Amino acid sequence: MTNIPAALLDTDILSEVMRARDLRVFKCAEDYLAEHARFTFSIITRYEILRGLKAREATRQAELFERQCAKSIVLPLTDPIIVQATDIYASLYKHGELVSDADILIAATAAVHNLPLITGNVAHFQRILGLQILSWRDT
């Protein structure tokens, strides 16, 4: 084992893993699962992926995603996450660097659970002070 830290997967990375198009991302996902047995992601990521699949009427992919959710840890929104999200929003607002509410909630989930965030949007999330960010695209 390579001692891969437990982490929260961002929506873009989980989508890439499910599509299996980027071999580097897929290999990192395989290594991660070998060490941790399951993925961890936010209920917001579940919402973002499921809404896209349903909007495209991608029934088969939605069923596969539901199976992935059942064997993953899907972290719910909690009051500490909401409070952290409001702190993140206030900081970004002050600096004129807002990101979407979904991304703020995902970042807050990672922060509250003390997990690094695995994302392909590194530059995007670097605006959030104190958030540990990892990328499977650069490995």
C-alpha atoms as a PDB file:
ATOM      1  CA  MET A   1       0.000   0.000   0.000  1.00  0.00           C
ATOM      2  CA  THR A   2       1.115   3.542  -0.713  1.00  0.00           C
ATOM      3  CA  ASN A   3      -0.421   5.236   2.353  1.00  0.00           C
ATOM      4  CA  ILE A   4      -2.920   7.343   0.425  1.00  0.00           C
ATOM      5  CA  PRO A   5      -4.769   9.727   2.746  1.00  0.00           C
ATOM      6  CA  ALA A   6      -8.533   9.454   3.115  1.00  0.00           C
ATOM      7  CA  ALA A   7     -10.106  12.288   1.131  1.00  0.00           C
ATOM      8  CA  LEU A   8     -13.325  13.800  -0.178  1.00  0.00           C
ATOM      9  CA  LEU A   9     -13.887  13.466  -3.918  1.00  0.00           C
ATOM     10  CA  ASP A  10     -15.163  16.517  -5.760  1.00  0.00           C
ATOM     11  CA  THR A  11     -17.923  16.121  -8.336  1.00  0.00           C
ATOM     12  CA  ASP A  12     -15.632  16.458 -11.344  1.00  0.00           C
ATOM     13  CA  ILE A  13     -13.308  13.696 -10.171  1.00  0.00           C
ATOM     14  CA  LEU A  14     -16.108  11.286  -9.271  1.00  0.00           C
ATOM     15  CA  SER A  15     -17.655  11.917 -12.698  1.00  0.00           C
ATOM     16  CA  GLU A  16     -14.329  11.155 -14.380  1.00  0.00           C
ATOM     17  CA  VAL A  17     -13.914   7.978 -12.352  1.00  0.00           C
ATOM     18  CA  MET A  18     -17.383   6.810 -13.388  1.00  0.00           C
ATOM     19  CA  ARG A  19     -16.667   7.509 -17.077  1.00  0.00           C
ATOM     20  CA  ALA A  20     -13.198   5.910 -16.885  1.00  0.00           C
ATOM     21  CA  ARG A  21     -11.858   8.125 -19.713  1.00  0.00           C
ATOM     22  CA  ASP A  22      -8.800   9.608 -18.001  1.00  0.00           C
ATOM     23  CA  LEU A  23      -6.449   6.708 -17.289  1.00  0.00           C
ATOM     24  CA  ARG A  24      -4.438   8.632 -14.684  1.00  0.00           C
ATOM     25  CA  VAL A  25      -7.569   9.525 -12.723  1.00  0.00           C
ATOM     26  CA  PHE A  26      -8.876   5.974 -13.027  1.00  0.00           C
ATOM     27  CA  LYS A  27      -5.556   4.507 -11.794  1.00  0.00           C
ATOM     28  CA  CYS A  28      -5.512   6.886  -8.824  1.00  0.00           C
ATOM     29  CA  ALA A  29      -9.095   5.844  -8.036  1.00  0.00           C
ATOM     30  CA  GLU A  30      -8.119   2.166  -8.172  1.00  0.00           C
ATOM     31  CA  ASP A  31      -5.180   2.807  -5.817  1.00  0.00           C
ATOM     32  CA  TYR A  32      -7.422   4.797  -3.490  1.00  0.00           C
ATOM     33  CA  LEU A  33     -10.021   2.004  -3.379  1.00  0.00           C
ATOM     34  CA  ALA A  34      -7.321  -0.598  -2.742  1.00  0.00           C
ATOM     35  CA  GLU A  35      -6.381   1.321   0.393  1.00  0.00           C
ATOM     36  CA  HIS A  36      -9.748   2.676   1.584  1.00  0.00           C
ATOM     37  CA  ALA A  37     -12.279   0.252   0.017  1.00  0.00           C
ATOM     38  CA  ARG A  38     -14.781   3.030  -0.739  1.00  0.00           C
ATOM     39  CA  PHE A  39     -15.030   6.638  -1.836  1.00  0.00           C
ATOM     40  CA  THR A  40     -16.177   9.518   0.329  1.00  0.00           C
ATOM     41  CA  PHE A  41     -18.081  12.440  -1.187  1.00  0.00           C
ATOM     42  CA  SER A  42     -20.641  15.067  -0.233  1.00  0.00           C
ATOM     43  CA  ILE A  43     -24.396  14.789  -0.623  1.00  0.00           C
ATOM     44  CA  ILE A  44     -23.934  17.869  -2.846  1.00  0.00           C
ATOM     45  CA  THR A  45     -21.818  15.778  -5.239  1.00  0.00           C
ATOM     46  CA  ARG A  46     -24.547  13.134  -5.197  1.00  0.00           C
ATOM     47  CA  TYR A  47     -27.059  15.832  -6.143  1.00  0.00           C
ATOM     48  CA  GLU A  48     -24.897  17.322  -8.906  1.00  0.00           C
ATOM     49  CA  ILE A  49     -24.199  13.984 -10.583  1.00  0.00           C
ATOM     50  CA  LEU A  50     -27.708  12.566 -10.202  1.00  0.00           C
ATOM     51  CA  ARG A  51     -29.384  15.717 -11.536  1.00  0.00           C
ATOM     52  CA  GLY A  52     -27.165  15.632 -14.629  1.00  0.00           C
ATOM     53  CA  LEU A  53     -27.887  11.977 -15.275  1.00  0.00           C
ATOM     54  CA  LYS A  54     -31.634  12.434 -14.845  1.00  0.00           C
ATOM     55  CA  ALA A  55     -31.682  15.554 -17.012  1.00  0.00           C
ATOM     56  CA  ARG A  56     -30.054  13.526 -19.799  1.00  0.00           C
ATOM     57  CA  GLU A  57     -32.371  10.580 -19.066  1.00  0.00           C
ATOM     58  CA  ALA A  58     -29.271   8.425 -18.583  1.00  0.00           C
ATOM     59  CA  THR A  59     -31.142   5.683 -16.730  1.00  0.00           C
ATOM     60  CA  ARG A  60     -28.401   3.059 -16.912  1.00  0.00           C
ATOM     61  CA  GLN A  61     -25.717   5.464 -15.679  1.00  0.00           C
ATOM     62  CA  ALA A  62     -28.057   6.647 -12.907  1.00  0.00           C
ATOM     63  CA  GLU A  63     -28.485   3.041 -11.762  1.00  0.00           C
ATOM     64  CA  LEU A  64     -24.709   2.541 -11.782  1.00  0.00           C
ATOM     65  CA  PHE A  65     -24.282   5.758  -9.828  1.00  0.00           C
ATOM     66  CA  GLU A  66     -26.857   4.629  -7.251  1.00  0.00           C
ATOM     67  CA  ARG A  67     -24.813   1.444  -6.765  1.00  0.00           C
ATOM     68  CA  GLN A  68     -21.675   3.545  -6.342  1.00  0.00           C
ATOM     69  CA  CYS A  69     -23.432   5.668  -3.717  1.00  0.00           C
ATOM     70  CA  ALA A  70     -24.562   2.563  -1.821  1.00  0.00           C
ATOM     71  CA  LYS A  71     -20.974   1.376  -1.445  1.00  0.00           C
ATOM     72  CA  SER A  72     -19.526   4.838  -0.721  1.00  0.00           C
ATOM     73  CA  ILE A  73     -19.632   7.201   2.225  1.00  0.00           C
ATOM     74  CA  VAL A  74     -21.954  10.063   1.281  1.00  0.00           C
ATOM     75  CA  LEU A  75     -21.542  12.814   3.863  1.00  0.00           C
ATOM     76  CA  PRO A  76     -24.717  14.760   4.684  1.00  0.00           C
ATOM     77  CA  LEU A  77     -25.014  18.474   5.237  1.00  0.00           C
ATOM     78  CA  THR A  78     -24.852  19.298   8.926  1.00  0.00           C
ATOM     79  CA  ASP A  79     -25.064  22.515  10.886  1.00  0.00           C
ATOM     80  CA  PRO A  80     -21.260  22.697  11.353  1.00  0.00           C
ATOM     81  CA  ILE A  81     -20.873  22.375   7.564  1.00  0.00           C
ATOM     82  CA  ILE A  82     -23.393  25.178   6.984  1.00  0.00           C
ATOM     83  CA  VAL A  83     -21.581  27.430   9.474  1.00  0.00           C
ATOM     84  CA  GLN A  84     -18.209  26.648   7.829  1.00  0.00           C
ATOM     85  CA  ALA A  85     -19.745  27.332   4.406  1.00  0.00           C
ATOM     86  CA  THR A  86     -20.935  30.756   5.528  1.00  0.00           C
ATOM     87  CA  ASP A  87     -17.430  31.561   6.779  1.00  0.00           C
ATOM     88  CA  ILE A  88     -15.980  30.478   3.420  1.00  0.00           C
ATOM     89  CA  TYR A  89     -18.577  32.532   1.541  1.00  0.00           C
ATOM     90  CA  ALA A  90     -17.857  35.641   3.646  1.00  0.00           C
ATOM     91  CA  SER A  91     -14.113  35.333   3.047  1.00  0.00           C
ATOM     92  CA  LEU A  92     -14.521  34.823  -0.702  1.00  0.00           C
ATOM     93  CA  TYR A  93     -17.023  37.678  -0.909  1.00  0.00           C
ATOM     94  CA  LYS A  94     -14.609  40.067   0.825  1.00  0.00           C
ATOM     95  CA  HIS A  95     -11.916  39.209  -1.697  1.00  0.00           C
ATOM     96  CA  GLY A  96     -14.213  39.303  -4.721  1.00  0.00           C
ATOM     97  CA  GLU A  97     -13.505  35.637  -5.489  1.00  0.00           C
ATOM     98  CA  LEU A  98     -16.848  33.890  -5.128  1.00  0.00           C
ATOM     99  CA  VAL A  99     -17.390  30.338  -6.329  1.00  0.00           C
ATOM    100  CA  SER A 100     -20.681  28.452  -6.606  1.00  0.00           C
ATOM    101  CA  ASP A 101     -22.670  27.569  -3.498  1.00  0.00           C
ATOM    102  CA  ALA A 102     -22.262  23.879  -4.362  1.00  0.00           C
ATOM    103  CA  ASP A 103     -18.470  24.223  -4.373  1.00  0.00           C
ATOM    104  CA  ILE A 104     -18.549  26.160  -1.107  1.00  0.00           C
ATOM    105  CA  LEU A 105     -20.639  23.410   0.513  1.00  0.00           C
ATOM    106  CA  ILE A 106     -18.316  20.695  -0.806  1.00  0.00           C
ATOM    107  CA  ALA A 107     -15.270  22.597   0.478  1.00  0.00           C
ATOM    108  CA  ALA A 108     -16.946  23.120   3.854  1.00  0.00           C
ATOM    109  CA  THR A 109     -17.706  19.396   4.054  1.00  0.00           C
ATOM    110  CA  ALA A 110     -14.029  18.606   3.466  1.00  0.00           C
ATOM    111  CA  ALA A 111     -12.940  21.192   6.033  1.00  0.00           C
ATOM    112  CA  VAL A 112     -15.349  20.068   8.762  1.00  0.00           C
ATOM    113  CA  HIS A 113     -14.361  16.427   8.290  1.00  0.00           C
ATOM    114  CA  ASN A 114     -10.660  17.392   8.092  1.00  0.00           C
ATOM    115  CA  LEU A 115     -10.305  15.718   4.699  1.00  0.00           C
ATOM    116  CA  PRO A 116      -8.305  16.894   1.705  1.00  0.00           C
ATOM    117  CA  LEU A 117     -10.416  17.581  -1.379  1.00  0.00           C
ATOM    118  CA  ILE A 118      -9.519  15.673  -4.539  1.00  0.00           C
ATOM    119  CA  THR A 119     -10.499  17.884  -7.453  1.00  0.00           C
ATOM    120  CA  GLY A 120      -9.584  18.747 -10.985  1.00  0.00           C
ATOM    121  CA  ASN A 121     -10.453  22.375 -10.228  1.00  0.00           C
ATOM    122  CA  VAL A 122      -7.363  23.089  -8.135  1.00  0.00           C
ATOM    123  CA  ALA A 123      -7.082  26.776  -9.085  1.00  0.00           C
ATOM    124  CA  HIS A 124     -10.765  27.225  -8.345  1.00  0.00           C
ATOM    125  CA  PHE A 125     -10.584  25.752  -4.821  1.00  0.00           C
ATOM    126  CA  GLN A 126      -7.239  27.377  -3.936  1.00  0.00           C
ATOM    127  CA  ARG A 127      -9.250  30.533  -3.249  1.00  0.00           C
ATOM    128  CA  ILE A 128     -10.505  28.854  -0.057  1.00  0.00           C
ATOM    129  CA  LEU A 129      -8.000  29.440   2.721  1.00  0.00           C
ATOM    130  CA  GLY A 130      -6.931  26.403   4.713  1.00  0.00           C
ATOM    131  CA  LEU A 131      -8.478  23.842   2.373  1.00  0.00           C
ATOM    132  CA  GLN A 132      -6.111  20.984   1.556  1.00  0.00           C
ATOM    133  CA  ILE A 133      -6.374  20.187  -2.151  1.00  0.00           C
ATOM    134  CA  LEU A 134      -5.150  17.156  -4.062  1.00  0.00           C
ATOM    135  CA  SER A 135      -5.330  16.417  -7.783  1.00  0.00           C
ATOM    136  CA  TRP A 136      -5.375  13.063  -9.504  1.00  0.00           C
ATOM    137  CA  ARG A 137      -4.802  14.741 -12.850  1.00  0.00           C
ATOM    138  CA  ASP A 138      -1.274  15.906 -12.010  1.00  0.00           C
ATOM    139  CA  THR A 139       0.068  12.596 -10.689  1.00  0.00           C
END
